[in-house]
Amino acid sequence: MLYENELFLLCALVYVAFALHAALGFGGNIMTLAWGAVLLPPEQLVTALLPVNVFVNAYFFARY
C-alpha cells in the first residue's frame, strides 16, 4: 500500500520517465522500472505501465 507522498513520488517518476521517452524515443519503461522498484514490486509496475506505454507508442505511430 502506498502512502500519499509515495504515490505522488511514483507519479512524478512516471512523468519524468515518459517525458524522456517522448524526447529520446525509447527507455520510458526501463527508467520507470529502475526508479519505481524502490516503491513497488516490478510486477505491479509493469501491469500499471503497460497502458501508458501503449498510449505513448500509439501517439508516436499516429504522429509519424
Protein backbone atom coordinates (compact mmCIF):
# COMPACT_ATOMS: atom_id res chain seq x y z
CA MET A 1 0.00 0.00 0.00
CA LEU A 2 1.38 3.36 -0.99
CA TYR A 3 1.03 6.43 1.16
CA GLU A 4 0.06 9.75 -0.36
CA ASN A 5 3.61 11.10 -0.63
CA GLU A 6 4.89 7.83 -2.13
CA LEU A 7 2.10 7.86 -4.71
CA PHE A 8 3.00 11.44 -5.64
CA LEU A 9 6.66 10.45 -5.98
CA LEU A 10 5.75 7.48 -8.18
CA CYS A 11 3.59 9.70 -10.40
CA ALA A 12 6.45 12.18 -10.72
CA LEU A 13 8.87 9.39 -11.64
CA VAL A 14 6.49 8.06 -14.30
CA TYR A 15 6.01 11.55 -15.70
CA VAL A 16 9.75 12.22 -15.94
CA ALA A 17 10.50 8.81 -17.40
CA PHE A 18 7.86 9.07 -20.10
CA ALA A 19 8.83 12.67 -20.87
CA LEU A 20 12.34 11.36 -21.52
CA HIS A 21 10.79 8.54 -23.56
CA ALA A 22 8.98 11.12 -25.68
CA ALA A 23 12.18 13.11 -26.17
CA LEU A 24 14.52 10.20 -26.83
CA GLY A 25 12.12 7.68 -28.35
CA PHE A 26 12.98 4.83 -26.01
CA GLY A 27 13.63 3.94 -22.40
CA GLY A 28 10.45 5.03 -20.61
CA ASN A 29 9.71 1.61 -19.18
CA ILE A 30 13.32 0.92 -18.25
CA MET A 31 13.68 4.18 -16.36
CA THR A 32 10.32 3.81 -14.64
CA LEU A 33 11.04 0.25 -13.55
CA ALA A 34 14.52 1.13 -12.33
CA TRP A 35 13.36 4.14 -10.32
CA GLY A 36 9.96 2.76 -9.29
CA ALA A 37 11.30 -0.54 -7.96
CA VAL A 38 12.18 1.35 -4.81
CA LEU A 39 8.48 1.93 -4.11
CA LEU A 40 6.66 -1.06 -5.64
CA PRO A 41 7.48 -4.58 -6.81
CA PRO A 42 8.27 -4.69 -10.54
CA GLU A 43 5.28 -6.95 -11.23
CA GLN A 44 2.87 -4.25 -10.09
CA LEU A 45 4.71 -1.57 -12.01
CA VAL A 46 4.65 -3.49 -15.29
CA THR A 47 0.90 -4.05 -15.13
CA ALA A 48 0.29 -0.38 -14.33
CA LEU A 49 2.64 0.96 -17.00
CA LEU A 50 1.53 -1.18 -19.91
CA PRO A 51 -1.48 1.03 -20.83
CA VAL A 52 0.68 4.17 -20.59
CA ASN A 53 3.28 2.65 -22.88
CA VAL A 54 0.65 1.57 -25.42
CA PHE A 55 -0.83 5.08 -25.46
CA VAL A 56 2.54 6.82 -25.91
CA ASN A 57 3.62 4.46 -28.69
CA ALA A 58 0.24 4.75 -30.44
CA TYR A 59 0.64 8.54 -30.36
CA PHE A 60 4.12 8.26 -31.91
CA PHE A 61 2.81 5.89 -34.56
CA ALA A 62 -0.08 8.19 -35.47
CA ARG A 63 2.09 11.30 -35.48
CA TYR A 64 4.91 9.92 -37.61
